[in-house]
Amino acid sequence: MRQTVPLSPAIHLGAQRVMVVGAGRMHEPPSQRARETGYPTLAQIAGHALSSIFLDALALDVERLERINRTLALLPEEVLAHTPLRPVKALVIAPSLSLDDLAAAHMGHLPAPVRALLRGAGVSGQGSQAKGATLASYLLFVAPFTRELIALGEADTLARRDEVLDFFGWRGEDDQR
């Protein structure tokens, strides 16, 4: 939980390229659900706290890496040769859909005791009327939701197929697959 710079270990071990598979909030699109008004529920606060713990550090670290790369690109070669800093290529694959929206559509798949516990914390509604879906998304280890997450990840990666191939250096004559 205290991983404030999650890319740092790979970079310090000499990584020249880093592939980041985000779980949301990297470049996550805005939610399609109606904006919630009034005081937040315990579930909304807990969901926000979990996202801050698990996801925000990664987004900030990727942003820092990109900023350092842009700065290094401005340096002349002779200056760059005398610094321990080096550019690190990054490929970030993040969901093209809001994971909160996906979770909201699948909250009914949770076991009844878990739904009751979440209702007590302030999770309510289904689909576009759901509240507290972020917290529910951390507990949704049900097949329909995970299948949809996997399908989304595959679709998002295939949509960026050329970038992935370039990143790994897999371009070539046998790139007919």
N, C-alpha and C. Protein backbone atom coordinates (compact mmCIF):
# COMPACT_ATOMS: atom_id res chain seq x y z
N MET A 1 0.81 -1.20 0.00
CA MET A 1 0.00 0.00 0.00
C MET A 1 0.85 1.26 0.00
N ARG A 2 2.11 1.15 0.35
CA ARG A 2 2.96 2.32 0.42
C ARG A 2 3.82 2.46 -0.82
N GLN A 3 3.43 1.83 -1.90
CA GLN A 3 4.20 1.91 -3.14
C GLN A 3 3.90 3.25 -3.80
N THR A 4 4.63 4.28 -3.41
CA THR A 4 4.35 5.62 -3.91
C THR A 4 4.96 5.87 -5.28
N VAL A 5 5.97 5.10 -5.66
CA VAL A 5 6.57 5.22 -6.99
C VAL A 5 6.70 3.81 -7.58
N PRO A 6 5.61 3.27 -8.08
CA PRO A 6 5.60 1.87 -8.51
C PRO A 6 6.51 1.54 -9.69
N LEU A 7 6.88 2.51 -10.52
CA LEU A 7 7.76 2.23 -11.64
C LEU A 7 9.23 2.24 -11.23
N SER A 8 9.52 2.82 -10.09
CA SER A 8 10.90 3.01 -9.64
C SER A 8 11.72 1.72 -9.57
N PRO A 9 11.22 0.63 -8.99
CA PRO A 9 12.05 -0.58 -8.93
C PRO A 9 12.50 -1.07 -10.31
N ALA A 10 11.61 -1.07 -11.27
CA ALA A 10 11.97 -1.52 -12.62
C ALA A 10 13.02 -0.59 -13.24
N ILE A 11 12.86 0.70 -13.04
CA ILE A 11 13.82 1.66 -13.61
C ILE A 11 15.18 1.53 -12.93
N HIS A 12 15.19 1.38 -11.61
CA HIS A 12 16.45 1.24 -10.89
C HIS A 12 17.15 -0.09 -11.21
N LEU A 13 16.39 -1.07 -11.65
CA LEU A 13 17.00 -2.34 -12.07
C LEU A 13 17.48 -2.29 -13.52
N GLY A 14 17.29 -1.15 -14.18
CA GLY A 14 17.83 -0.96 -15.52
C GLY A 14 16.84 -1.10 -16.67
N ALA A 15 15.55 -1.11 -16.37
CA ALA A 15 14.56 -1.24 -17.44
C ALA A 15 14.71 -0.08 -18.43
N GLN A 16 14.66 -0.41 -19.70
CA GLN A 16 14.69 0.61 -20.74
C GLN A 16 13.29 0.88 -21.28
N ARG A 17 12.41 -0.09 -21.05
CA ARG A 17 11.01 0.03 -21.46
C ARG A 17 10.14 -0.51 -20.33
N VAL A 18 8.97 0.11 -20.16
CA VAL A 18 8.04 -0.31 -19.13
C VAL A 18 6.65 -0.34 -19.74
N MET A 19 6.00 -1.50 -19.63
CA MET A 19 4.61 -1.59 -20.07
C MET A 19 3.74 -1.53 -18.82
N VAL A 20 2.82 -0.58 -18.82
CA VAL A 20 1.94 -0.36 -17.69
C VAL A 20 0.53 -0.74 -18.09
N VAL A 21 -0.04 -1.69 -17.38
CA VAL A 21 -1.43 -2.06 -17.60
C VAL A 21 -2.22 -1.42 -16.47
N GLY A 22 -2.94 -0.36 -16.80
CA GLY A 22 -3.69 0.38 -15.79
C GLY A 22 -5.02 -0.28 -15.50
N ALA A 23 -5.50 -0.04 -14.30
CA ALA A 23 -6.79 -0.59 -13.90
C ALA A 23 -7.83 0.52 -13.77
N GLY A 24 -7.62 1.59 -14.45
CA GLY A 24 -8.57 2.70 -14.37
C GLY A 24 -7.88 3.93 -13.81
N ARG A 25 -8.53 5.05 -13.95
CA ARG A 25 -8.09 6.34 -13.45
C ARG A 25 -6.75 6.78 -14.02
N MET A 26 -6.24 6.12 -15.05
CA MET A 26 -5.03 6.60 -15.72
C MET A 26 -5.48 7.67 -16.71
N HIS A 27 -6.26 7.24 -17.65
CA HIS A 27 -6.85 8.14 -18.64
C HIS A 27 -8.30 7.72 -18.78
N GLU A 28 -8.89 7.32 -17.65
CA GLU A 28 -10.23 6.76 -17.67
C GLU A 28 -11.24 7.79 -18.16
N PRO A 29 -12.10 7.38 -19.07
CA PRO A 29 -13.11 8.32 -19.57
C PRO A 29 -14.10 8.66 -18.46
N PRO A 30 -14.80 9.76 -18.62
CA PRO A 30 -15.80 10.11 -17.61
C PRO A 30 -16.91 9.07 -17.57
N SER A 31 -17.47 8.92 -16.40
CA SER A 31 -18.54 7.96 -16.21
C SER A 31 -19.79 8.38 -16.99
N GLN A 32 -20.52 7.39 -17.42
CA GLN A 32 -21.78 7.65 -18.14
C GLN A 32 -22.95 7.76 -17.16
N ARG A 33 -22.67 7.45 -15.89
CA ARG A 33 -23.73 7.50 -14.89
C ARG A 33 -23.98 8.94 -14.46
N ALA A 34 -25.17 9.18 -13.95
CA ALA A 34 -25.53 10.52 -13.49
C ALA A 34 -24.64 10.93 -12.33
N ARG A 35 -24.27 12.20 -12.28
CA ARG A 35 -23.45 12.72 -11.19
C ARG A 35 -24.25 12.65 -9.89
N GLU A 36 -23.55 12.24 -8.84
CA GLU A 36 -24.20 12.10 -7.54
C GLU A 36 -24.15 13.43 -6.81
N THR A 37 -25.25 13.77 -6.17
CA THR A 37 -25.31 15.02 -5.43
C THR A 37 -25.49 14.71 -3.95
N GLY A 38 -25.27 15.68 -3.13
CA GLY A 38 -25.41 15.49 -1.68
C GLY A 38 -24.14 14.95 -1.06
N TYR A 39 -24.24 14.60 0.20
CA TYR A 39 -23.08 14.09 0.92
C TYR A 39 -22.73 12.69 0.42
N PRO A 40 -21.44 12.38 0.35
CA PRO A 40 -21.05 11.05 -0.10
C PRO A 40 -21.36 10.01 0.98
N THR A 41 -21.64 8.81 0.51
CA THR A 41 -21.88 7.70 1.44
C THR A 41 -20.54 7.12 1.87
N LEU A 42 -20.57 6.27 2.89
CA LEU A 42 -19.37 5.58 3.34
C LEU A 42 -18.77 4.77 2.19
N ALA A 43 -19.61 4.17 1.37
CA ALA A 43 -19.14 3.38 0.23
C ALA A 43 -18.42 4.26 -0.79
N GLN A 44 -18.94 5.43 -1.04
CA GLN A 44 -18.29 6.34 -1.99
C GLN A 44 -16.93 6.80 -1.46
N ILE A 45 -16.86 7.10 -0.18
CA ILE A 45 -15.60 7.51 0.44
C ILE A 45 -14.60 6.36 0.41
N ALA A 46 -15.05 5.15 0.75
CA ALA A 46 -14.17 3.98 0.75
C ALA A 46 -13.67 3.68 -0.66
N GLY A 47 -14.54 3.77 -1.65
CA GLY A 47 -14.13 3.54 -3.03
C GLY A 47 -13.09 4.54 -3.49
N HIS A 48 -13.30 5.80 -3.12
CA HIS A 48 -12.33 6.85 -3.47
C HIS A 48 -10.99 6.59 -2.76
N ALA A 49 -11.05 6.20 -1.49
CA ALA A 49 -9.82 5.92 -0.74
C ALA A 49 -9.06 4.74 -1.35
N LEU A 50 -9.76 3.68 -1.72
CA LEU A 50 -9.10 2.53 -2.34
C LEU A 50 -8.47 2.91 -3.67
N SER A 51 -9.16 3.70 -4.44
CA SER A 51 -8.59 4.15 -5.72
C SER A 51 -7.36 5.00 -5.50
N SER A 52 -7.40 5.85 -4.48
CA SER A 52 -6.24 6.67 -4.16
C SER A 52 -5.05 5.83 -3.74
N ILE A 53 -5.30 4.79 -2.96
CA ILE A 53 -4.23 3.92 -2.48
C ILE A 53 -3.63 3.11 -3.63
N PHE A 54 -4.48 2.50 -4.44
CA PHE A 54 -4.01 1.54 -5.42
C PHE A 54 -3.73 2.10 -6.81
N LEU A 55 -4.37 3.18 -7.19
CA LEU A 55 -4.27 3.62 -8.58
C LEU A 55 -3.60 4.97 -8.79
N ASP A 56 -3.79 5.90 -7.90
CA ASP A 56 -3.29 7.26 -8.12
C ASP A 56 -1.77 7.31 -8.21
N ALA A 57 -1.07 6.53 -7.39
CA ALA A 57 0.40 6.55 -7.42
C ALA A 57 0.92 6.11 -8.79
N LEU A 58 0.28 5.14 -9.40
CA LEU A 58 0.71 4.68 -10.71
C LEU A 58 0.53 5.77 -11.76
N ALA A 59 -0.62 6.42 -11.75
CA ALA A 59 -0.88 7.49 -12.72
C ALA A 59 0.13 8.63 -12.54
N LEU A 60 0.43 8.99 -11.31
CA LEU A 60 1.40 10.05 -11.06
C LEU A 60 2.80 9.64 -11.47
N ASP A 61 3.15 8.38 -11.24
CA ASP A 61 4.48 7.90 -11.61
C ASP A 61 4.65 7.87 -13.13
N VAL A 62 3.62 7.48 -13.85
CA VAL A 62 3.68 7.50 -15.32
C VAL A 62 3.83 8.94 -15.81
N GLU A 63 3.08 9.85 -15.20
CA GLU A 63 3.18 11.26 -15.57
C GLU A 63 4.59 11.79 -15.31
N ARG A 64 5.18 11.41 -14.18
CA ARG A 64 6.54 11.83 -13.85
C ARG A 64 7.54 11.27 -14.86
N LEU A 65 7.38 10.01 -15.23
CA LEU A 65 8.26 9.38 -16.21
C LEU A 65 8.19 10.12 -17.56
N GLU A 66 6.98 10.45 -17.99
CA GLU A 66 6.81 11.15 -19.26
C GLU A 66 7.43 12.55 -19.21
N ARG A 67 7.30 13.22 -18.06
CA ARG A 67 7.88 14.56 -17.91
C ARG A 67 9.41 14.50 -17.93
N ILE A 68 9.99 13.52 -17.27
CA ILE A 68 11.44 13.36 -17.28
C ILE A 68 11.92 13.03 -18.69
N ASN A 69 11.20 12.17 -19.38
CA ASN A 69 11.58 11.85 -20.77
C ASN A 69 11.55 13.10 -21.66
N ARG A 70 10.53 13.94 -21.51
CA ARG A 70 10.46 15.17 -22.30
C ARG A 70 11.62 16.11 -21.97
N THR A 71 11.96 16.18 -20.70
CA THR A 71 13.08 17.04 -20.28
C THR A 71 14.40 16.50 -20.84
N LEU A 72 14.61 15.20 -20.76
CA LEU A 72 15.84 14.60 -21.29
C LEU A 72 15.95 14.79 -22.80
N ALA A 73 14.84 14.82 -23.49
CA ALA A 73 14.85 15.01 -24.94
C ALA A 73 15.35 16.41 -25.32
N LEU A 74 15.29 17.35 -24.39
CA LEU A 74 15.75 18.71 -24.64
C LEU A 74 17.26 18.87 -24.45
N LEU A 75 17.88 17.90 -23.79
CA LEU A 75 19.32 17.99 -23.51
C LEU A 75 20.15 17.59 -24.71
N PRO A 76 21.27 18.28 -24.94
CA PRO A 76 22.18 17.86 -26.00
C PRO A 76 22.84 16.52 -25.62
N GLU A 77 23.26 15.75 -26.61
CA GLU A 77 23.86 14.44 -26.39
C GLU A 77 25.03 14.48 -25.41
N GLU A 78 25.90 15.50 -25.52
CA GLU A 78 27.08 15.56 -24.65
C GLU A 78 26.69 15.78 -23.18
N VAL A 79 25.62 16.50 -22.94
CA VAL A 79 25.14 16.70 -21.57
C VAL A 79 24.46 15.43 -21.08
N LEU A 80 23.68 14.80 -21.92
CA LEU A 80 22.98 13.57 -21.58
C LEU A 80 23.95 12.46 -21.21
N ALA A 81 25.12 12.46 -21.83
CA ALA A 81 26.12 11.42 -21.55
C ALA A 81 26.68 11.53 -20.14
N HIS A 82 26.55 12.71 -19.51
CA HIS A 82 27.13 12.93 -18.17
C HIS A 82 26.07 12.92 -17.06
N THR A 83 24.91 12.43 -17.35
CA THR A 83 23.87 12.34 -16.32
C THR A 83 23.48 10.88 -16.14
N PRO A 84 23.16 10.49 -14.92
CA PRO A 84 22.71 9.11 -14.71
C PRO A 84 21.28 8.87 -15.22
N LEU A 85 20.58 9.95 -15.53
CA LEU A 85 19.22 9.82 -16.04
C LEU A 85 19.24 9.36 -17.49
N ARG A 86 18.26 8.56 -17.84
CA ARG A 86 18.12 8.10 -19.22
C ARG A 86 16.64 7.98 -19.53
N PRO A 87 16.30 8.15 -20.80
CA PRO A 87 14.87 8.01 -21.15
C PRO A 87 14.43 6.55 -20.99
N VAL A 88 13.21 6.39 -20.54
CA VAL A 88 12.61 5.06 -20.40
C VAL A 88 11.32 5.09 -21.20
N LYS A 89 11.25 4.22 -22.19
CA LYS A 89 10.05 4.16 -23.04
C LYS A 89 8.92 3.50 -22.25
N ALA A 90 7.74 4.09 -22.33
CA ALA A 90 6.59 3.56 -21.60
C ALA A 90 5.41 3.34 -22.55
N LEU A 91 4.74 2.24 -22.36
CA LEU A 91 3.49 1.96 -23.06
C LEU A 91 2.43 1.75 -21.99
N VAL A 92 1.42 2.60 -22.01
CA VAL A 92 0.36 2.54 -21.01
C VAL A 92 -0.91 2.05 -21.69
N ILE A 93 -1.42 0.93 -21.21
CA ILE A 93 -2.70 0.40 -21.68
C ILE A 93 -3.68 0.58 -20.52
N ALA A 94 -4.69 1.38 -20.74
CA ALA A 94 -5.68 1.66 -19.70
C ALA A 94 -7.08 1.44 -20.28
N PRO A 95 -8.04 1.16 -19.43
CA PRO A 95 -9.40 0.89 -19.91
C PRO A 95 -10.00 2.06 -20.67
N SER A 96 -10.69 1.74 -21.76
CA SER A 96 -11.35 2.77 -22.55
C SER A 96 -12.76 3.05 -22.04
N LEU A 97 -13.23 2.24 -21.12
CA LEU A 97 -14.54 2.44 -20.50
C LEU A 97 -14.35 2.63 -19.01
N SER A 98 -15.28 3.32 -18.39
CA SER A 98 -15.23 3.52 -16.94
C SER A 98 -15.48 2.19 -16.23
N LEU A 99 -14.54 1.80 -15.36
CA LEU A 99 -14.71 0.55 -14.62
C LEU A 99 -15.84 0.67 -13.60
N ASP A 100 -16.12 1.87 -13.15
CA ASP A 100 -17.26 2.07 -12.25
C ASP A 100 -18.56 1.73 -12.97
N ASP A 101 -18.66 2.14 -14.25
CA ASP A 101 -19.87 1.82 -15.02
C ASP A 101 -20.01 0.31 -15.21
N LEU A 102 -18.88 -0.36 -15.51
CA LEU A 102 -18.94 -1.82 -15.66
C LEU A 102 -19.35 -2.48 -14.36
N ALA A 103 -18.78 -2.01 -13.25
CA ALA A 103 -19.13 -2.57 -11.95
C ALA A 103 -20.60 -2.36 -11.63
N ALA A 104 -21.10 -1.17 -11.94
CA ALA A 104 -22.50 -0.86 -11.65
C ALA A 104 -23.43 -1.81 -12.38
N ALA A 105 -23.05 -2.22 -13.57
CA ALA A 105 -23.88 -3.14 -14.34
C ALA A 105 -23.86 -4.56 -13.78
N HIS A 106 -22.87 -4.88 -12.95
CA HIS A 106 -22.72 -6.26 -12.46
C HIS A 106 -22.92 -6.41 -10.96
N MET A 107 -23.35 -5.38 -10.27
CA MET A 107 -23.51 -5.49 -8.82
C MET A 107 -24.53 -6.55 -8.42
N GLY A 108 -25.49 -6.80 -9.28
CA GLY A 108 -26.48 -7.82 -8.99
C GLY A 108 -25.92 -9.23 -8.99
N HIS A 109 -24.71 -9.42 -9.52
CA HIS A 109 -24.09 -10.74 -9.54
C HIS A 109 -23.38 -11.09 -8.23
N LEU A 110 -23.23 -10.09 -7.35
CA LEU A 110 -22.60 -10.36 -6.06
C LEU A 110 -23.50 -11.25 -5.20
N PRO A 111 -22.91 -12.07 -4.36
CA PRO A 111 -23.73 -12.88 -3.44
C PRO A 111 -24.58 -11.99 -2.54
N ALA A 112 -25.74 -12.47 -2.15
CA ALA A 112 -26.68 -11.69 -1.34
C ALA A 112 -26.05 -11.12 -0.07
N PRO A 113 -25.26 -11.89 0.69
CA PRO A 113 -24.66 -11.31 1.90
C PRO A 113 -23.72 -10.13 1.59
N VAL A 114 -22.99 -10.21 0.51
CA VAL A 114 -22.08 -9.12 0.13
C VAL A 114 -22.90 -7.91 -0.30
N ARG A 115 -23.97 -8.14 -1.07
CA ARG A 115 -24.84 -7.02 -1.46
C ARG A 115 -25.44 -6.34 -0.23
N ALA A 116 -25.84 -7.15 0.76
CA ALA A 116 -26.42 -6.58 1.99
C ALA A 116 -25.38 -5.75 2.74
N LEU A 117 -24.15 -6.26 2.80
CA LEU A 117 -23.07 -5.52 3.47
C LEU A 117 -22.80 -4.20 2.74
N LEU A 118 -22.76 -4.26 1.42
CA LEU A 118 -22.52 -3.04 0.63
C LEU A 118 -23.68 -2.05 0.76
N ARG A 119 -24.90 -2.56 0.80
CA ARG A 119 -26.06 -1.67 1.00
C ARG A 119 -25.93 -0.92 2.32
N GLY A 120 -25.44 -1.62 3.35
CA GLY A 120 -25.24 -0.99 4.66
C GLY A 120 -24.20 0.11 4.60
N ALA A 121 -23.25 -0.01 3.68
CA ALA A 121 -22.21 1.01 3.53
C ALA A 121 -22.64 2.13 2.58
N GLY A 122 -23.78 1.96 1.92
CA GLY A 122 -24.27 3.02 1.05
C GLY A 122 -24.26 2.72 -0.43
N VAL A 123 -23.94 1.47 -0.80
CA VAL A 123 -24.01 1.09 -2.22
C VAL A 123 -25.47 0.83 -2.54
N SER A 124 -25.94 1.42 -3.61
CA SER A 124 -27.35 1.22 -3.98
C SER A 124 -27.53 1.35 -5.48
N GLY A 125 -28.65 0.85 -5.94
CA GLY A 125 -29.02 0.98 -7.34
C GLY A 125 -28.27 0.03 -8.26
N GLN A 126 -28.64 0.09 -9.52
CA GLN A 126 -28.03 -0.74 -10.56
C GLN A 126 -27.81 0.14 -11.78
N GLY A 127 -26.88 -0.23 -12.61
CA GLY A 127 -26.67 0.47 -13.88
C GLY A 127 -26.39 1.94 -13.69
N SER A 128 -27.11 2.77 -14.46
CA SER A 128 -26.84 4.22 -14.43
C SER A 128 -27.29 4.88 -13.14
N GLN A 129 -28.09 4.18 -12.33
CA GLN A 129 -28.56 4.75 -11.07
C GLN A 129 -27.73 4.28 -9.87
N ALA A 130 -26.67 3.51 -10.11
CA ALA A 130 -25.87 2.95 -9.03
C ALA A 130 -25.07 4.02 -8.30
N LYS A 131 -24.95 3.85 -6.99
CA LYS A 131 -24.11 4.70 -6.16
C LYS A 131 -23.13 3.78 -5.42
N GLY A 132 -21.89 4.22 -5.34
CA GLY A 132 -20.89 3.43 -4.62
C GLY A 132 -20.31 2.29 -5.45
N ALA A 133 -20.42 2.38 -6.77
CA ALA A 133 -19.95 1.30 -7.63
C ALA A 133 -18.43 1.11 -7.57
N THR A 134 -17.70 2.17 -7.23
CA THR A 134 -16.25 2.04 -7.14
C THR A 134 -15.87 1.03 -6.07
N LEU A 135 -16.48 1.13 -4.90
CA LEU A 135 -16.21 0.16 -3.83
C LEU A 135 -16.59 -1.24 -4.29
N ALA A 136 -17.74 -1.37 -4.92
CA ALA A 136 -18.19 -2.68 -5.39
C ALA A 136 -17.21 -3.26 -6.40
N SER A 137 -16.58 -2.42 -7.22
CA SER A 137 -15.65 -2.93 -8.23
C SER A 137 -14.46 -3.64 -7.61
N TYR A 138 -14.09 -3.29 -6.38
CA TYR A 138 -12.98 -3.95 -5.71
C TYR A 138 -13.38 -5.31 -5.14
N LEU A 139 -14.67 -5.57 -5.08
CA LEU A 139 -15.16 -6.84 -4.53
C LEU A 139 -15.80 -7.74 -5.58
N LEU A 140 -15.89 -7.27 -6.80
CA LEU A 140 -16.58 -8.01 -7.86
C LEU A 140 -15.68 -9.09 -8.48
N PHE A 141 -15.49 -10.18 -7.75
CA PHE A 141 -14.74 -11.31 -8.29
C PHE A 141 -15.72 -12.34 -8.81
N VAL A 142 -16.65 -11.89 -9.63
CA VAL A 142 -17.65 -12.78 -10.20
C VAL A 142 -17.37 -12.93 -11.69
N ALA A 143 -17.67 -14.10 -12.21
CA ALA A 143 -17.31 -14.43 -13.59
C ALA A 143 -17.82 -13.44 -14.64
N PRO A 144 -19.07 -13.00 -14.60
CA PRO A 144 -19.53 -12.07 -15.65
C PRO A 144 -18.73 -10.77 -15.68
N PHE A 145 -18.39 -10.23 -14.51
CA PHE A 145 -17.62 -8.99 -14.45
C PHE A 145 -16.19 -9.21 -14.91
N THR A 146 -15.55 -10.27 -14.42
CA THR A 146 -14.16 -10.51 -14.82
C THR A 146 -14.05 -10.83 -16.30
N ARG A 147 -15.04 -11.55 -16.85
CA ARG A 147 -15.04 -11.81 -18.29
C ARG A 147 -15.12 -10.51 -19.08
N GLU A 148 -15.97 -9.60 -18.62
CA GLU A 148 -16.11 -8.32 -19.31
C GLU A 148 -14.82 -7.48 -19.18
N LEU A 149 -14.16 -7.54 -18.03
CA LEU A 149 -12.89 -6.84 -17.86
C LEU A 149 -11.82 -7.40 -18.80
N ILE A 150 -11.76 -8.72 -18.90
CA ILE A 150 -10.78 -9.36 -19.80
C ILE A 150 -11.07 -8.99 -21.24
N ALA A 151 -12.33 -9.03 -21.63
CA ALA A 151 -12.71 -8.66 -23.01
C ALA A 151 -12.36 -7.20 -23.29
N LEU A 152 -12.58 -6.33 -22.32
CA LEU A 152 -12.25 -4.92 -22.48
C LEU A 152 -10.73 -4.75 -22.64
N GLY A 153 -9.96 -5.45 -21.81
CA GLY A 153 -8.50 -5.38 -21.91
C GLY A 153 -8.00 -5.87 -23.25
N GLU A 154 -8.58 -6.97 -23.73
CA GLU A 154 -8.18 -7.49 -25.05
C GLU A 154 -8.54 -6.50 -26.16
N ALA A 155 -9.74 -5.96 -26.10
CA ALA A 155 -10.18 -5.00 -27.13
C ALA A 155 -9.33 -3.73 -27.12
N ASP A 156 -9.03 -3.23 -25.92
CA ASP A 156 -8.21 -2.02 -25.81
C ASP A 156 -6.80 -2.26 -26.32
N THR A 157 -6.25 -3.44 -26.05
CA THR A 157 -4.90 -3.77 -26.51
C THR A 157 -4.90 -3.97 -28.03
N LEU A 158 -5.89 -4.66 -28.56
CA LEU A 158 -5.96 -4.86 -30.01
C LEU A 158 -6.18 -3.54 -30.75
N ALA A 159 -6.89 -2.62 -30.12
CA ALA A 159 -7.10 -1.30 -30.75
C ALA A 159 -5.78 -0.54 -30.87
N ARG A 160 -4.81 -0.92 -30.06
CA ARG A 160 -3.49 -0.26 -30.09
C ARG A 160 -2.41 -1.25 -30.53
N ARG A 161 -2.82 -2.21 -31.33
CA ARG A 161 -1.94 -3.29 -31.78
C ARG A 161 -0.62 -2.78 -32.36
N ASP A 162 -0.68 -1.79 -33.22
CA ASP A 162 0.54 -1.26 -33.84
C ASP A 162 1.51 -0.70 -32.80
N GLU A 163 0.96 0.02 -31.80
CA GLU A 163 1.82 0.57 -30.74
C GLU A 163 2.48 -0.55 -29.94
N VAL A 164 1.71 -1.60 -29.65
CA VAL A 164 2.24 -2.73 -28.88
C VAL A 164 3.34 -3.43 -29.66
N LEU A 165 3.10 -3.67 -30.94
CA LEU A 165 4.12 -4.31 -31.78
C LEU A 165 5.39 -3.47 -31.85
N ASP A 166 5.24 -2.16 -32.02
CA ASP A 166 6.40 -1.27 -32.06
C ASP A 166 7.14 -1.25 -30.72
N PHE A 167 6.38 -1.22 -29.63
CA PHE A 167 6.98 -1.16 -28.30
C PHE A 167 7.88 -2.37 -28.04
N PHE A 168 7.41 -3.55 -28.43
CA PHE A 168 8.18 -4.77 -28.20
C PHE A 168 9.14 -5.09 -29.34
N GLY A 169 9.12 -4.28 -30.39
CA GLY A 169 10.01 -4.52 -31.52
C GLY A 169 9.62 -5.76 -32.30
N TRP A 170 8.33 -6.03 -32.37
CA TRP A 170 7.85 -7.24 -33.04
C TRP A 170 7.44 -6.99 -34.48
N ARG A 171 7.84 -5.87 -35.03
CA ARG A 171 7.54 -5.59 -36.44
C ARG A 171 8.50 -6.38 -37.29
N GLY A 172 8.03 -6.85 -38.41
CA GLY A 172 8.90 -7.58 -39.31
C GLY A 172 8.13 -8.21 -40.43
N GLU A 173 8.83 -8.98 -41.22
CA GLU A 173 8.20 -9.63 -42.39
C GLU A 173 7.14 -10.64 -41.96
N ASP A 174 7.34 -11.27 -40.82
CA ASP A 174 6.38 -12.29 -40.40
C ASP A 174 5.24 -11.67 -39.57
N ASP A 175 5.01 -10.36 -39.71
CA ASP A 175 3.94 -9.68 -38.97
C ASP A 175 2.61 -9.79 -39.72
N GLN A 176 2.34 -10.96 -40.22
CA GLN A 176 1.08 -11.18 -40.92
C GLN A 176 0.00 -11.77 -40.01
N ARG A 177 0.39 -12.06 -38.76
CA ARG A 177 -0.55 -12.68 -37.83
C ARG A 177 -1.59 -11.72 -37.35
